[in-house]
Amino acid sequence: MASLVGSFNNRRAGVFESKLPESLEDQLRSKVIVKAEDLSARSKFPSFLTPNEDFSDAISHIRTAEEGVSEGIIVSTGTERSFFDLAVSKKSKGLVIRDINPRVKAYNDFNVLLLRSTKKLSKYVRRAKKPGTLEEFTRRRSEIQKVIKKKQRKGRLSEKVAKYYKTNLKFLSRVYYENSSRPLDHLSRWPWMKSEIFDVCNYHKNEELFLKLHRYASAGNIVSTIGNINDLGFLKNLAISFIDTSNICDYSVLDLQLENDSTPRILWTQIRYNSFDAGVSSSTEYRSFTYQRLTEDEKEEFKGLFNLIMDSPLTRLPEDDYDDYTDAKHMVIAFQSFFADEDRFNAVCGSSLSKEAFSRLEKYCDTQFLPKALLEIRQVSRTGL
């Protein structure tokens, strides 16, 4: 199997990379190597395979937020944003990407293969560029097949991982090339790697960032998995430093399944949709908070308080606006008053089953509803009647 990322001080980048006792690829093999039919399954959720959030604010936020967390892995969602996170992090031991869309895994797996295929930035950029013709695509795939065989022969790829790549190479490469070079939107001519707003994390241009990702990929410490971001029980033996949830909390309630004593920092984005530059929100605000799970009793009380919000005219949604995202929408609306002037490093997202969100929910309900109603809810939740 590939060697591990060793203790390494990159003096030019000022980055410390610490090792894991066993690569993520080995530890999470059942999640990394999936069946072809699972990889190509259709997702009911929209595909966000091209960056759609401005990352310029993220570096300073991530590095400041990291000062208060222990070393561990990054858990992230999506495609390129996950690689950006690892590229700019100073304390991470590896990256686990978790997304409900199988095509996100296909995109990420091919990019990891490209990253581990060479330590030369120019060669990576050439291989990552979308082939212009079918003949060029066939030659490129043949070139990468030879890389897989060579790395397996030298013991840098396990037999099972190499077989996974060989079996799915056509599909993985098609998903990647169809999306990686896509313009940011219909108003833009350029893909993300040619846009200035991504210069701070552009590992297609910055050799130090590229080499860092190359080392992690080569060590088997960048992996992508399919599933809900809340389903993190399979990481129970790994320390997590922070979890990048993007703006998932806008449409889904975060109820992260973590070890009880695990308190990672949650990174999330609040997007202003009224201002866009080249198809990417120009007012993406990065926020974070320390996540602590609720006990089962607290969850019951949380649900009781939340039902008050659901029935309240203050937060009631129009009838035609009820869908799979309704719960998250109600919670975001109810918590808007907390967002205006708060510390961005202690900014709990509204739709999360966390102790900090629970505290704010209590404060909100205390100011909006009769104390008697709250008292009854708390008595019922605590007695189980």
Protein backbone atom coordinates (compact mmCIF):
# COMPACT_ATOMS: atom_id res chain seq x y z
CA MET A 1 0.00 0.00 0.00
CA ALA A 2 1.06 3.60 -0.48
CA SER A 3 3.36 4.98 2.17
CA LEU A 4 1.93 7.31 4.76
CA VAL A 5 2.32 11.06 4.93
CA GLY A 6 5.28 11.40 7.28
CA SER A 7 6.11 14.23 9.62
CA PHE A 8 7.07 16.89 7.15
CA ASN A 9 7.84 20.57 7.50
CA ASN A 10 7.39 22.44 4.26
CA ARG A 11 9.48 25.47 5.10
CA ARG A 12 8.42 27.41 2.04
CA ALA A 13 4.74 26.94 2.77
CA GLY A 14 5.06 26.94 6.55
CA VAL A 15 2.82 23.89 6.76
CA PHE A 16 3.15 20.98 9.17
CA GLU A 17 1.86 17.65 7.89
CA SER A 18 1.53 14.98 10.54
CA LYS A 19 1.06 11.31 9.84
CA LEU A 20 -1.78 8.89 10.44
CA PRO A 21 -0.94 5.41 11.76
CA GLU A 22 -2.76 3.92 8.77
CA SER A 23 -3.87 5.62 5.56
CA LEU A 24 -7.48 6.70 5.21
CA GLU A 25 -7.66 4.61 2.05
CA ASP A 26 -6.85 1.49 4.09
CA GLN A 27 -9.01 2.36 7.10
CA LEU A 28 -12.09 3.23 5.02
CA ARG A 29 -11.66 0.74 2.19
CA SER A 30 -15.31 -0.38 2.19
CA LYS A 31 -16.40 3.24 1.67
CA VAL A 32 -13.69 4.04 -0.88
CA ILE A 33 -14.11 1.02 -3.17
CA VAL A 34 -17.74 0.91 -4.28
CA LYS A 35 -19.63 -1.00 -6.95
CA ALA A 36 -19.94 0.52 -10.42
CA GLU A 37 -23.74 0.65 -10.14
CA ASP A 38 -23.52 2.59 -6.87
CA LEU A 39 -21.04 5.01 -8.39
CA SER A 40 -23.26 5.77 -11.37
CA ALA A 41 -26.58 5.86 -9.47
CA ARG A 42 -28.72 8.94 -10.03
CA SER A 43 -29.15 11.36 -7.15
CA LYS A 44 -32.41 13.23 -6.55
CA PHE A 45 -30.39 16.24 -5.43
CA PRO A 46 -28.98 18.80 -7.90
CA SER A 47 -25.38 18.26 -8.95
CA PHE A 48 -22.99 20.96 -7.75
CA LEU A 49 -19.77 19.78 -9.34
CA THR A 50 -18.41 23.23 -10.23
CA PRO A 51 -17.40 25.71 -7.48
CA ASN A 52 -20.23 28.16 -6.81
CA GLU A 53 -18.93 29.95 -3.71
CA ASP A 54 -16.23 32.60 -3.52
CA PHE A 55 -13.35 31.08 -1.49
CA SER A 56 -11.31 34.24 -0.93
CA ASP A 57 -12.70 34.70 2.60
CA ALA A 58 -12.19 31.07 3.57
CA ILE A 59 -8.40 30.88 4.03
CA SER A 60 -8.20 33.39 6.86
CA HIS A 61 -11.29 31.90 8.49
CA ILE A 62 -10.02 28.32 8.28
CA ARG A 63 -6.57 29.15 9.62
CA THR A 64 -7.94 31.25 12.47
CA ALA A 65 -10.56 28.62 13.33
CA GLU A 66 -7.87 25.91 13.33
CA GLU A 67 -5.98 27.62 16.13
CA GLY A 68 -8.50 26.30 18.64
CA VAL A 69 -8.83 22.71 17.42
CA SER A 70 -6.75 19.59 17.84
CA GLU A 71 -5.02 17.91 14.93
CA GLY A 72 -7.27 15.59 12.97
CA ILE A 73 -8.82 14.99 9.61
CA ILE A 74 -10.99 17.38 7.63
CA VAL A 75 -14.46 16.22 6.64
CA SER A 76 -15.91 18.18 3.75
CA THR A 77 -18.65 18.04 1.14
CA GLY A 78 -18.58 18.73 -2.59
CA THR A 79 -15.76 18.68 -5.11
CA GLU A 80 -13.11 21.39 -5.39
CA ARG A 81 -13.98 23.13 -2.10
CA SER A 82 -12.78 20.00 -0.30
CA PHE A 83 -9.39 20.12 -2.02
CA PHE A 84 -9.20 23.86 -1.27
CA ASP A 85 -9.80 23.13 2.43
CA LEU A 86 -6.94 20.66 2.62
CA ALA A 87 -4.63 22.82 0.51
CA VAL A 88 -4.87 25.81 2.87
CA SER A 89 -5.16 23.94 6.18
CA LYS A 90 -2.10 23.95 8.44
CA LYS A 91 -3.08 21.16 10.83
CA SER A 92 -4.93 18.48 8.92
CA LYS A 93 -3.87 14.85 8.79
CA GLY A 94 -6.08 14.00 5.83
CA LEU A 95 -9.36 14.62 4.03
CA VAL A 96 -12.59 12.61 3.95
CA ILE A 97 -15.14 13.94 1.48
CA ARG A 98 -18.77 13.07 2.18
CA ASP A 99 -21.48 13.82 -0.36
CA ILE A 100 -24.86 12.31 -1.14
CA ASN A 101 -24.31 12.61 -4.90
CA PRO A 102 -22.36 9.64 -6.37
CA ARG A 103 -21.04 11.85 -9.17
CA VAL A 104 -19.21 13.96 -6.61
CA LYS A 105 -17.26 10.85 -5.63
CA ALA A 106 -16.58 10.05 -9.29
CA TYR A 107 -15.20 13.57 -9.84
CA ASN A 108 -13.09 13.48 -6.68
CA ASP A 109 -11.73 9.97 -7.24
CA PHE A 110 -10.45 10.90 -10.69
CA ASN A 111 -8.88 14.10 -9.38
CA VAL A 112 -7.14 12.13 -6.61
CA LEU A 113 -5.85 9.74 -9.28
CA LEU A 114 -4.51 12.69 -11.30
CA LEU A 115 -2.90 14.21 -8.20
CA ARG A 116 -1.10 11.01 -7.31
CA SER A 117 -0.10 10.35 -10.94
CA THR A 118 2.72 12.92 -11.00
CA LYS A 119 4.68 15.33 -8.82
CA LYS A 120 5.08 17.78 -11.70
CA LEU A 121 2.50 20.55 -11.74
CA SER A 122 2.75 21.06 -15.51
CA LYS A 123 2.01 17.39 -16.15
CA TYR A 124 -0.93 17.42 -13.72
CA VAL A 125 -2.42 20.50 -15.41
CA ARG A 126 -2.06 18.87 -18.83
CA ARG A 127 -3.77 15.68 -17.65
CA ALA A 128 -6.51 17.62 -15.88
CA LYS A 129 -7.37 19.63 -18.99
CA LYS A 130 -10.42 18.38 -20.86
CA PRO A 131 -9.45 16.50 -24.06
CA GLY A 132 -10.57 18.31 -27.18
CA THR A 133 -11.42 15.26 -29.29
CA LEU A 134 -12.49 11.65 -28.84
CA GLU A 135 -9.10 10.51 -30.06
CA GLU A 136 -7.34 12.71 -27.50
CA PHE A 137 -9.65 11.40 -24.76
CA THR A 138 -8.76 7.80 -25.74
CA ARG A 139 -5.02 8.59 -25.64
CA ARG A 140 -5.38 10.31 -22.28
CA ARG A 141 -7.20 7.36 -20.78
CA SER A 142 -4.55 4.99 -22.13
CA GLU A 143 -1.84 7.19 -20.59
CA ILE A 144 -3.52 7.12 -17.19
CA GLN A 145 -4.07 3.36 -17.39
CA LYS A 146 -0.30 2.97 -17.79
CA VAL A 147 0.21 5.18 -14.71
CA ILE A 148 -2.10 2.93 -12.68
CA LYS A 149 -0.23 -0.22 -13.76
CA LYS A 150 3.15 1.36 -13.01
CA LYS A 151 2.12 2.50 -9.53
CA GLN A 152 0.62 -0.88 -8.73
CA ARG A 153 3.80 -2.62 -9.90
CA LYS A 154 5.90 -0.38 -7.64
CA GLY A 155 3.60 -0.98 -4.66
CA ARG A 156 2.22 2.55 -4.58
CA LEU A 157 -1.32 1.40 -5.29
CA SER A 158 -2.92 -1.62 -3.67
CA GLU A 159 -4.35 -4.29 -5.93
CA LYS A 160 -7.93 -3.47 -4.90
CA VAL A 161 -7.59 0.28 -5.40
CA ALA A 162 -5.88 -0.24 -8.75
CA LYS A 163 -8.68 -2.58 -9.85
CA TYR A 164 -11.28 0.02 -8.78
CA TYR A 165 -9.60 2.67 -10.91
CA LYS A 166 -9.23 0.37 -13.91
CA THR A 167 -12.83 -0.82 -13.75
CA ASN A 168 -14.33 2.65 -13.46
CA LEU A 169 -11.79 4.79 -15.30
CA LYS A 170 -14.03 5.63 -18.26
CA PHE A 171 -16.90 6.81 -16.06
CA LEU A 172 -14.69 8.65 -13.55
CA SER A 173 -12.85 10.53 -16.28
CA ARG A 174 -16.04 11.44 -18.14
CA VAL A 175 -17.65 12.95 -15.03
CA TYR A 176 -14.47 14.87 -14.21
CA TYR A 177 -13.77 16.25 -17.67
CA GLU A 178 -17.41 17.19 -18.27
CA ASN A 179 -17.45 19.35 -15.14
CA SER A 180 -13.93 20.47 -14.18
CA SER A 181 -13.52 22.72 -17.21
CA ARG A 182 -17.11 23.95 -17.31
CA PRO A 183 -17.57 27.76 -17.18
CA LEU A 184 -18.73 28.99 -13.79
CA ASP A 185 -22.09 29.86 -15.33
CA HIS A 186 -23.71 31.07 -18.57
CA LEU A 187 -22.31 34.59 -18.01
CA SER A 188 -18.72 33.42 -17.74
CA ARG A 189 -16.31 32.08 -20.35
CA TRP A 190 -13.86 30.65 -17.83
CA PRO A 191 -13.71 27.58 -15.57
CA TRP A 192 -12.81 28.08 -11.90
CA MET A 193 -9.05 27.54 -12.31
CA LYS A 194 -8.82 30.54 -14.64
CA SER A 195 -10.83 32.88 -12.40
CA GLU A 196 -8.97 35.33 -10.15
CA ILE A 197 -11.41 34.83 -7.30
CA PHE A 198 -9.88 31.37 -6.71
CA ASP A 199 -6.22 32.47 -6.88
CA VAL A 200 -5.76 32.03 -3.11
CA CYS A 201 -6.42 28.29 -3.36
CA ASN A 202 -5.67 27.53 -7.00
CA TYR A 203 -3.46 24.46 -6.91
CA HIS A 204 -3.47 24.44 -10.72
CA LYS A 205 -1.27 27.56 -10.50
CA ASN A 206 0.40 27.35 -7.09
CA GLU A 207 3.07 24.66 -7.00
CA GLU A 208 3.27 24.52 -3.19
CA LEU A 209 -0.45 23.87 -2.89
CA PHE A 210 -0.29 21.27 -5.66
CA LEU A 211 2.65 19.43 -4.07
CA LYS A 212 0.87 19.33 -0.73
CA LEU A 213 -2.22 17.73 -2.33
CA HIS A 214 0.04 15.38 -4.29
CA ARG A 215 1.64 14.11 -1.06
CA TYR A 216 -1.68 13.51 0.65
CA ALA A 217 -3.16 11.82 -2.42
CA SER A 218 -0.08 9.62 -2.89
CA ALA A 219 -0.26 8.57 0.75
CA GLY A 220 -3.90 7.50 0.40
CA ASN A 221 -5.06 10.27 2.72
CA ILE A 222 -7.63 11.91 0.45
CA VAL A 223 -10.76 9.78 0.08
CA SER A 224 -14.28 10.44 -1.15
CA THR A 225 -17.40 8.63 0.11
CA ILE A 226 -21.09 8.55 -0.81
CA GLY A 227 -23.70 9.45 1.80
CA ASN A 228 -25.41 12.03 3.96
CA ILE A 229 -23.09 14.45 5.76
CA ASN A 230 -24.85 13.52 9.02
CA ASP A 231 -23.82 9.87 8.66
CA LEU A 232 -20.30 10.02 10.05
CA GLY A 233 -20.42 7.03 12.38
CA PHE A 234 -17.88 5.22 10.19
CA LEU A 235 -15.27 7.78 11.31
CA LYS A 236 -15.59 6.87 14.99
CA ASN A 237 -11.92 5.91 15.30
CA LEU A 238 -10.63 9.10 13.71
CA ALA A 239 -10.14 12.52 15.29
CA ILE A 240 -11.92 15.22 13.29
CA SER A 241 -10.59 18.77 13.38
CA PHE A 242 -13.31 20.48 11.37
CA ILE A 243 -16.26 19.69 9.12
CA ASP A 244 -16.98 21.91 6.13
CA THR A 245 -20.73 21.70 5.50
CA SER A 246 -20.94 24.48 2.88
CA ASN A 247 -24.54 25.81 2.96
CA ILE A 248 -26.18 22.43 3.62
CA CYS A 249 -27.87 23.94 6.67
CA ASP A 250 -30.00 26.11 4.33
CA TYR A 251 -31.95 23.04 3.25
CA SER A 252 -31.11 20.20 5.63
CA VAL A 253 -30.89 19.94 9.42
CA LEU A 254 -27.40 19.01 10.66
CA ASP A 255 -27.53 16.11 13.10
CA LEU A 256 -23.96 14.87 12.88
CA GLN A 257 -23.47 11.33 14.15
CA LEU A 258 -20.24 11.70 16.08
CA GLU A 259 -18.68 10.20 19.14
CA ASN A 260 -20.17 11.84 22.24
CA ASP A 261 -16.88 13.46 23.24
CA SER A 262 -16.11 14.66 19.72
CA THR A 263 -16.36 18.44 19.38
CA PRO A 264 -15.14 19.41 15.90
CA ARG A 265 -15.46 22.91 14.54
CA ILE A 266 -18.24 23.22 11.96
CA LEU A 267 -17.51 25.47 9.00
CA TRP A 268 -20.56 26.71 7.11
CA THR A 269 -21.38 29.42 4.61
CA GLN A 270 -24.02 32.09 4.58
CA ILE A 271 -24.60 33.10 0.99
CA ARG A 272 -26.05 36.40 -0.19
CA TYR A 273 -27.88 35.47 -3.36
CA ASN A 274 -28.48 39.04 -4.54
CA SER A 275 -24.90 39.68 -5.61
CA PHE A 276 -22.97 37.61 -8.11
CA ASP A 277 -19.65 37.88 -9.88
CA ALA A 278 -18.99 35.51 -12.76
CA GLY A 279 -21.65 33.16 -11.45
CA VAL A 280 -20.14 32.83 -7.98
CA SER A 281 -21.71 34.52 -4.98
CA SER A 282 -19.54 37.55 -4.23
CA SER A 283 -20.80 37.78 -0.69
CA THR A 284 -20.13 34.30 0.65
CA GLU A 285 -19.52 34.64 4.39
CA TYR A 286 -17.66 31.88 6.17
CA ARG A 287 -18.75 31.12 9.72
CA SER A 288 -17.94 28.42 12.25
CA PHE A 289 -18.76 27.11 15.70
CA THR A 290 -17.84 24.23 17.99
CA TYR A 291 -20.31 21.38 17.58
CA GLN A 292 -21.59 19.46 20.58
CA ARG A 293 -24.24 16.77 20.13
CA LEU A 294 -27.53 16.84 21.99
CA THR A 295 -28.54 14.06 24.36
CA GLU A 296 -31.69 12.12 23.49
CA ASP A 297 -33.67 14.03 26.14
CA GLU A 298 -32.44 17.33 24.74
CA LYS A 299 -33.46 16.25 21.26
CA GLU A 300 -37.01 15.59 22.44
CA GLU A 301 -37.20 19.01 24.05
CA PHE A 302 -35.69 20.54 20.94
CA LYS A 303 -38.41 18.95 18.81
CA GLY A 304 -41.12 20.31 21.10
CA LEU A 305 -39.77 23.84 20.85
CA PHE A 306 -39.33 23.48 17.12
CA ASN A 307 -42.98 22.52 16.71
CA LEU A 308 -43.88 25.89 18.23
CA ILE A 309 -41.87 27.53 15.47
CA MET A 310 -43.50 25.40 12.79
CA ASP A 311 -46.97 26.50 13.94
CA SER A 312 -46.09 30.16 14.49
CA PRO A 313 -47.29 32.88 12.09
CA LEU A 314 -43.89 34.53 12.69
CA THR A 315 -42.07 31.82 10.77
CA ARG A 316 -44.83 30.06 8.84
CA LEU A 317 -43.98 29.44 5.20
CA PRO A 318 -46.39 29.86 2.26
CA GLU A 319 -48.27 26.64 1.54
CA ASP A 320 -46.53 26.14 -1.81
CA ASP A 321 -43.12 26.48 -0.15
CA TYR A 322 -43.36 23.25 1.85
CA ASP A 323 -40.93 20.60 0.59
CA ASP A 324 -38.10 18.34 1.77
CA TYR A 325 -36.25 21.41 3.06
CA THR A 326 -39.07 22.84 5.20
CA ASP A 327 -37.59 22.06 8.62
CA ALA A 328 -34.29 23.75 7.80
CA LYS A 329 -36.07 26.78 6.34
CA HIS A 330 -38.12 27.28 9.51
CA MET A 331 -35.06 27.10 11.72
CA VAL A 332 -33.07 29.52 9.56
CA ILE A 333 -35.92 32.04 9.60
CA ALA A 334 -36.31 31.78 13.37
CA PHE A 335 -32.59 32.30 13.99
CA GLN A 336 -32.02 35.21 11.60
CA SER A 337 -32.05 37.69 14.46
CA PHE A 338 -28.95 36.02 15.93
CA PHE A 339 -26.84 36.38 12.78
CA ALA A 340 -26.56 40.14 12.28
CA ASP A 341 -23.73 41.16 14.62
CA GLU A 342 -22.42 37.91 16.03
CA ASP A 343 -18.85 36.65 16.19
CA ARG A 344 -18.26 34.72 12.97
CA PHE A 345 -16.13 32.20 14.90
CA ASN A 346 -19.00 31.43 17.27
CA ALA A 347 -21.80 31.52 14.72
CA VAL A 348 -24.05 28.50 15.04
CA CYS A 349 -26.08 27.67 11.95
CA GLY A 350 -29.78 27.71 12.70
CA SER A 351 -30.65 24.27 11.43
CA SER A 352 -28.43 22.07 13.56
CA LEU A 353 -29.14 19.73 16.45
CA SER A 354 -26.31 21.13 18.55
CA LYS A 355 -26.16 22.40 22.10
CA GLU A 356 -25.50 25.96 20.95
CA ALA A 357 -28.49 25.88 18.56
CA PHE A 358 -30.62 24.43 21.37
CA SER A 359 -29.64 27.30 23.65
CA ARG A 360 -30.56 29.86 21.02
CA LEU A 361 -33.82 28.08 20.27
CA GLU A 362 -34.75 28.36 23.93
CA LYS A 363 -33.92 32.07 23.92
CA TYR A 364 -35.96 32.63 20.79
CA CYS A 365 -39.00 30.78 22.14
CA ASP A 366 -38.72 32.54 25.52
CA THR A 367 -39.17 35.89 23.77
CA GLN A 368 -41.86 34.81 21.31
CA PHE A 369 -44.14 32.37 23.13
CA LEU A 370 -45.97 32.05 26.44
CA PRO A 371 -43.78 30.67 29.26
CA LYS A 372 -46.57 28.25 30.16
CA ALA A 373 -46.36 26.55 26.77
CA LEU A 374 -42.60 26.19 27.13
CA LEU A 375 -42.94 24.76 30.62
CA GLU A 376 -45.39 22.11 29.42
CA ILE A 377 -43.08 21.08 26.59
CA ARG A 378 -40.11 20.72 28.94
CA GLN A 379 -42.12 18.73 31.47
CA VAL A 380 -43.37 16.32 28.79
CA SER A 381 -39.93 15.83 27.23
CA ARG A 382 -38.30 15.16 30.61
CA THR A 383 -40.93 12.79 31.94
CA GLY A 384 -41.62 11.00 28.66
CA LEU A 385 -45.37 11.33 29.09
